[in-house]
Amino acid sequence: MGEELSAFRKEIKYIIPLAKLSEVKRCLEKLMVRDSHCIKDAYTIRSVYFESINNIDFAQKLAGIDVRKKVRLRIYNGDDSLCKLELKQKKGDWQNKQSLILSKDDAEALLAGRYEVLKRYFQNSETAVKAYNIMRLGCYRPVVMVEYDRLAYQYPLYDTRITLDMDIRSTEANLNIFSSSVNYVPIMYETAVLEIKYSGKCMGFVRDAFGHFNLTQSSYSKYCSGRKVFYDFNY
């Protein structure tokens, strides 16, 4: 535990109508290699997002502020042996993501508001120090859990990666990331999210391949879309 990961790259999002999804998949299968975690099928990502007492991250996203952040816990395929605490800082299309691998016990402590567990990682982790200061000063707490199924494709140059996120669903009632029984509300019915991620520059064949799909770049946020109850009843 305590391992740090980081990625600095450009991320561009598109909303894909389900009617075009099969064609997009066929295109990706020809051009790129699937991530090792989804050779046979999509894998499941579950994230719990944290927010400040005054909902500053939510408000800045809705306001279109260029520089903003997200704080979240994440697991994959329901596996509690790999828990990531992630700080995602955004400036325009560029994203800086810092991740810290936590134990299940420490992840549960964060969900309960016990930020002090991060102190045990301070000596070797800049991410732990940043997360602790952000969460403590802003009185962060878990506010929504979002889950979806992902197909991921990769190409070695410029760390190129393309993901398709499907069946996106959320809950504001159950914030236990390790729960085996969750009732979700679908937040995307007729569409999926395609993200093109790369460091340096976008490969020409990627731009050419998706040009004929007539896709429009989007600033869609799974986090904000997942907080429907808060948004609808925020007086």
Protein backbone atom coordinates (compact mmCIF):
# COMPACT_ATOMS: atom_id res chain seq x y z
CA MET A 1 0.00 0.00 0.00
CA GLY A 2 1.04 3.60 -0.40
CA GLU A 3 2.17 3.32 -4.01
CA GLU A 4 1.74 6.53 -6.00
CA LEU A 5 0.73 6.81 -9.65
CA SER A 6 0.50 9.91 -11.81
CA ALA A 7 -0.60 10.88 -15.30
CA PHE A 8 -0.46 14.23 -17.06
CA ARG A 9 -2.29 14.21 -20.36
CA LYS A 10 -4.91 15.78 -22.54
CA GLU A 11 -8.42 14.33 -22.35
CA ILE A 12 -11.12 15.04 -24.92
CA LYS A 13 -14.67 13.74 -24.42
CA TYR A 14 -17.44 12.95 -26.89
CA ILE A 15 -21.01 11.75 -26.36
CA ILE A 16 -21.76 8.70 -28.53
CA PRO A 17 -25.36 7.81 -29.46
CA LEU A 18 -25.95 4.12 -28.81
CA ALA A 19 -26.92 3.77 -32.48
CA LYS A 20 -23.30 4.52 -33.40
CA LEU A 21 -21.66 2.52 -30.62
CA SER A 22 -21.19 -0.73 -32.53
CA GLU A 23 -19.58 1.09 -35.44
CA VAL A 24 -17.25 2.98 -33.11
CA LYS A 25 -16.25 -0.29 -31.42
CA ARG A 26 -15.45 -1.93 -34.77
CA CYS A 27 -13.29 1.04 -35.68
CA LEU A 28 -11.35 0.85 -32.42
CA GLU A 29 -10.86 -2.92 -32.70
CA LYS A 30 -9.11 -2.40 -36.05
CA LEU A 31 -6.89 0.48 -34.97
CA MET A 32 -5.82 -0.26 -31.41
CA VAL A 33 -5.22 -2.99 -28.84
CA ARG A 34 -7.54 -3.58 -25.92
CA ASP A 35 -6.33 -2.90 -22.42
CA SER A 36 -5.36 -6.14 -20.66
CA HIS A 37 -8.24 -5.71 -18.19
CA CYS A 38 -10.92 -5.96 -20.87
CA ILE A 39 -9.65 -8.52 -23.37
CA LYS A 40 -12.90 -10.49 -23.15
CA ASP A 41 -15.39 -7.93 -21.89
CA ALA A 42 -15.73 -4.49 -20.34
CA TYR A 43 -14.61 -3.98 -16.77
CA THR A 44 -16.55 -2.11 -14.09
CA ILE A 45 -15.38 1.09 -12.45
CA ARG A 46 -16.96 2.32 -9.23
CA SER A 47 -16.08 5.74 -7.82
CA VAL A 48 -17.17 7.64 -4.73
CA TYR A 49 -16.74 11.39 -5.15
CA PHE A 50 -15.97 13.67 -2.23
CA GLU A 51 -17.11 17.28 -2.06
CA SER A 52 -16.45 20.29 0.17
CA ILE A 53 -18.97 21.59 2.68
CA ASN A 54 -19.90 24.40 0.24
CA ASN A 55 -19.88 22.17 -2.85
CA ILE A 56 -17.13 24.22 -4.50
CA ASP A 57 -16.03 21.54 -7.00
CA PHE A 58 -19.60 21.01 -8.21
CA ALA A 59 -20.21 24.75 -8.50
CA GLN A 60 -16.97 25.39 -10.40
CA LYS A 61 -17.76 22.66 -12.92
CA LEU A 62 -21.26 24.04 -13.58
CA ALA A 63 -19.81 27.54 -13.89
CA GLY A 64 -17.26 26.36 -16.45
CA ILE A 65 -14.24 27.44 -14.38
CA ASP A 66 -11.12 26.51 -16.35
CA VAL A 67 -9.02 25.33 -13.39
CA ARG A 68 -10.75 22.90 -11.05
CA LYS A 69 -10.38 19.58 -9.24
CA LYS A 70 -12.06 16.34 -8.18
CA VAL A 71 -11.41 14.03 -5.23
CA ARG A 72 -12.55 10.43 -5.44
CA LEU A 73 -12.06 6.85 -4.26
CA ARG A 74 -12.09 4.18 -6.95
CA ILE A 75 -12.17 0.38 -7.23
CA TYR A 76 -12.39 -1.96 -10.20
CA ASN A 77 -14.69 -4.95 -10.74
CA GLY A 78 -15.69 -4.84 -7.08
CA ASP A 79 -12.15 -5.83 -6.01
CA ASP A 80 -11.42 -4.31 -2.59
CA SER A 81 -7.71 -5.19 -2.80
CA LEU A 82 -7.02 -2.21 -5.08
CA CYS A 83 -8.44 1.05 -3.72
CA LYS A 84 -7.25 4.30 -5.29
CA LEU A 85 -7.59 7.75 -3.81
CA GLU A 86 -7.38 10.11 -6.78
CA LEU A 87 -6.85 13.85 -7.07
CA LYS A 88 -7.73 15.03 -10.55
CA GLN A 89 -6.78 18.60 -11.41
CA LYS A 90 -7.99 20.05 -14.68
CA LYS A 91 -6.95 23.05 -16.74
CA GLY A 92 -8.78 23.23 -20.04
CA ASP A 93 -8.42 19.84 -21.76
CA TRP A 94 -5.28 18.98 -19.76
CA GLN A 95 -5.59 16.71 -16.74
CA ASN A 96 -3.13 15.96 -13.97
CA LYS A 97 -4.20 12.83 -12.08
CA GLN A 98 -2.40 11.74 -8.92
CA SER A 99 -3.36 8.41 -7.38
CA LEU A 100 -2.52 6.80 -4.04
CA ILE A 101 -3.11 3.10 -3.35
CA LEU A 102 -4.90 2.66 -0.03
CA SER A 103 -5.78 -0.31 2.12
CA LYS A 104 -9.46 -1.20 2.39
CA ASP A 105 -9.45 -0.13 6.06
CA ASP A 106 -8.04 3.29 5.21
CA ALA A 107 -10.52 3.74 2.37
CA GLU A 108 -13.37 3.00 4.79
CA ALA A 109 -11.89 5.49 7.25
CA LEU A 110 -11.93 8.23 4.59
CA LEU A 111 -15.55 7.44 3.80
CA ALA A 112 -16.27 7.96 7.51
CA GLY A 113 -14.49 11.33 7.49
CA ARG A 114 -11.34 10.23 9.28
CA TYR A 115 -8.82 12.10 7.11
CA GLU A 116 -6.02 11.52 9.63
CA VAL A 117 -5.41 8.02 8.20
CA LEU A 118 -3.63 9.76 5.33
CA LYS A 119 -0.88 10.89 7.72
CA ARG A 120 0.60 7.41 7.70
CA TYR A 121 1.40 7.90 4.01
CA PHE A 122 2.92 11.39 4.38
CA GLN A 123 6.57 10.33 4.38
CA ASN A 124 6.43 8.80 0.90
CA SER A 125 3.41 10.41 -0.70
CA GLU A 126 2.88 13.96 -1.93
CA THR A 127 -0.63 12.91 -2.94
CA ALA A 128 -1.49 11.98 0.65
CA VAL A 129 -0.37 15.41 1.89
CA LYS A 130 -2.35 17.23 -0.81
CA ALA A 131 -5.47 15.15 -0.25
CA TYR A 132 -5.31 15.57 3.52
CA ASN A 133 -5.03 19.37 3.27
CA ILE A 134 -7.82 19.64 0.68
CA MET A 135 -10.21 17.36 2.55
CA ARG A 136 -9.57 18.73 6.00
CA LEU A 137 -9.65 22.43 5.08
CA GLY A 138 -12.73 22.02 2.87
CA CYS A 139 -14.55 19.62 5.22
CA TYR A 140 -14.90 17.14 2.37
CA ARG A 141 -17.33 14.23 2.65
CA PRO A 142 -18.61 11.55 0.22
CA VAL A 143 -21.62 12.74 -1.80
CA VAL A 144 -22.25 10.38 -4.74
CA MET A 145 -21.22 6.96 -6.05
CA VAL A 146 -20.94 6.48 -9.81
CA GLU A 147 -20.48 3.16 -11.62
CA TYR A 148 -20.08 2.27 -15.29
CA ASP A 149 -18.68 -0.35 -17.65
CA ARG A 150 -15.53 0.51 -19.60
CA LEU A 151 -13.83 -0.74 -22.74
CA ALA A 152 -10.31 0.66 -23.04
CA TYR A 153 -7.99 0.69 -26.04
CA GLN A 154 -4.33 1.70 -26.15
CA TYR A 155 -1.57 2.66 -28.56
CA PRO A 156 2.05 3.00 -27.41
CA LEU A 157 2.99 6.37 -28.92
CA TYR A 158 2.20 9.43 -26.78
CA ASP A 159 0.56 7.15 -24.22
CA THR A 160 -2.56 7.16 -26.39
CA ARG A 161 -5.64 5.66 -24.77
CA ILE A 162 -9.30 5.64 -25.84
CA THR A 163 -12.08 4.59 -23.49
CA LEU A 164 -15.77 3.86 -23.98
CA ASP A 165 -17.84 4.26 -20.80
CA MET A 166 -21.28 2.65 -20.97
CA ASP A 167 -24.34 2.14 -18.76
CA ILE A 168 -23.38 5.02 -16.46
CA ARG A 169 -25.39 4.93 -13.22
CA SER A 170 -25.24 6.59 -9.81
CA THR A 171 -26.60 6.69 -6.28
CA GLU A 172 -26.65 9.43 -3.66
CA ALA A 173 -28.14 7.09 -1.07
CA ASN A 174 -25.51 4.34 -0.77
CA LEU A 175 -21.96 5.71 -0.50
CA ASN A 176 -20.29 2.47 0.59
CA ILE A 177 -17.86 1.73 -2.22
CA PHE A 178 -17.54 -1.88 -1.04
CA SER A 179 -21.28 -2.57 -0.91
CA SER A 180 -22.40 -5.74 -2.69
CA SER A 181 -25.99 -4.51 -3.06
CA VAL A 182 -26.50 -1.11 -4.65
CA ASN A 183 -29.63 0.33 -6.25
CA TYR A 184 -28.47 2.68 -8.99
CA VAL A 185 -30.29 5.25 -11.08
CA PRO A 186 -29.26 5.35 -14.78
CA ILE A 187 -27.86 8.76 -15.72
CA MET A 188 -27.21 8.06 -19.42
CA TYR A 189 -29.99 6.26 -21.27
CA GLU A 190 -29.30 6.50 -24.99
CA THR A 191 -25.63 7.44 -25.05
CA ALA A 192 -22.10 6.46 -23.99
CA VAL A 193 -18.98 8.54 -23.34
CA LEU A 194 -15.88 8.28 -25.49
CA GLU A 195 -12.65 9.78 -24.18
CA ILE A 196 -9.43 10.25 -26.15
CA LYS A 197 -6.43 10.59 -23.84
CA TYR A 198 -2.85 11.29 -24.83
CA SER A 199 0.38 12.96 -23.80
CA GLY A 200 2.10 15.19 -26.33
CA LYS A 201 -0.12 15.11 -29.39
CA CYS A 202 -3.06 13.22 -30.82
CA MET A 203 -2.12 10.63 -33.44
CA GLY A 204 -3.32 11.57 -36.92
CA PHE A 205 -5.00 8.23 -37.54
CA VAL A 206 -7.14 8.77 -34.43
CA ARG A 207 -8.40 12.14 -35.69
CA ASP A 208 -9.01 10.71 -39.15
CA ALA A 209 -10.81 7.62 -37.86
CA PHE A 210 -13.36 9.56 -35.84
CA GLY A 211 -13.82 12.40 -38.29
CA HIS A 212 -16.60 10.68 -40.23
CA PHE A 213 -18.66 9.99 -37.08
CA ASN A 214 -19.51 13.71 -36.82
CA LEU A 215 -18.90 13.79 -33.09
CA THR A 216 -19.08 16.97 -31.04
CA GLN A 217 -16.66 17.56 -28.21
CA SER A 218 -18.35 17.62 -24.80
CA SER A 219 -17.49 18.72 -21.27
CA TYR A 220 -19.74 16.02 -19.77
CA SER A 221 -19.12 15.24 -16.09
CA LYS A 222 -20.11 11.89 -14.58
CA TYR A 223 -19.75 13.45 -11.15
CA CYS A 224 -22.15 16.34 -11.76
CA SER A 225 -24.63 14.17 -13.67
CA GLY A 226 -24.63 11.69 -10.80
CA ARG A 227 -25.73 14.32 -8.28
CA LYS A 228 -29.23 14.63 -9.68
CA VAL A 229 -30.99 14.65 -6.31
CA PHE A 230 -28.72 17.39 -5.01
CA TYR A 231 -29.09 19.43 -8.20
CA ASP A 232 -32.88 19.11 -8.36
CA PHE A 233 -33.49 19.86 -4.68
CA ASN A 234 -30.74 22.38 -3.95
CA TYR A 235 -32.67 25.40 -2.70
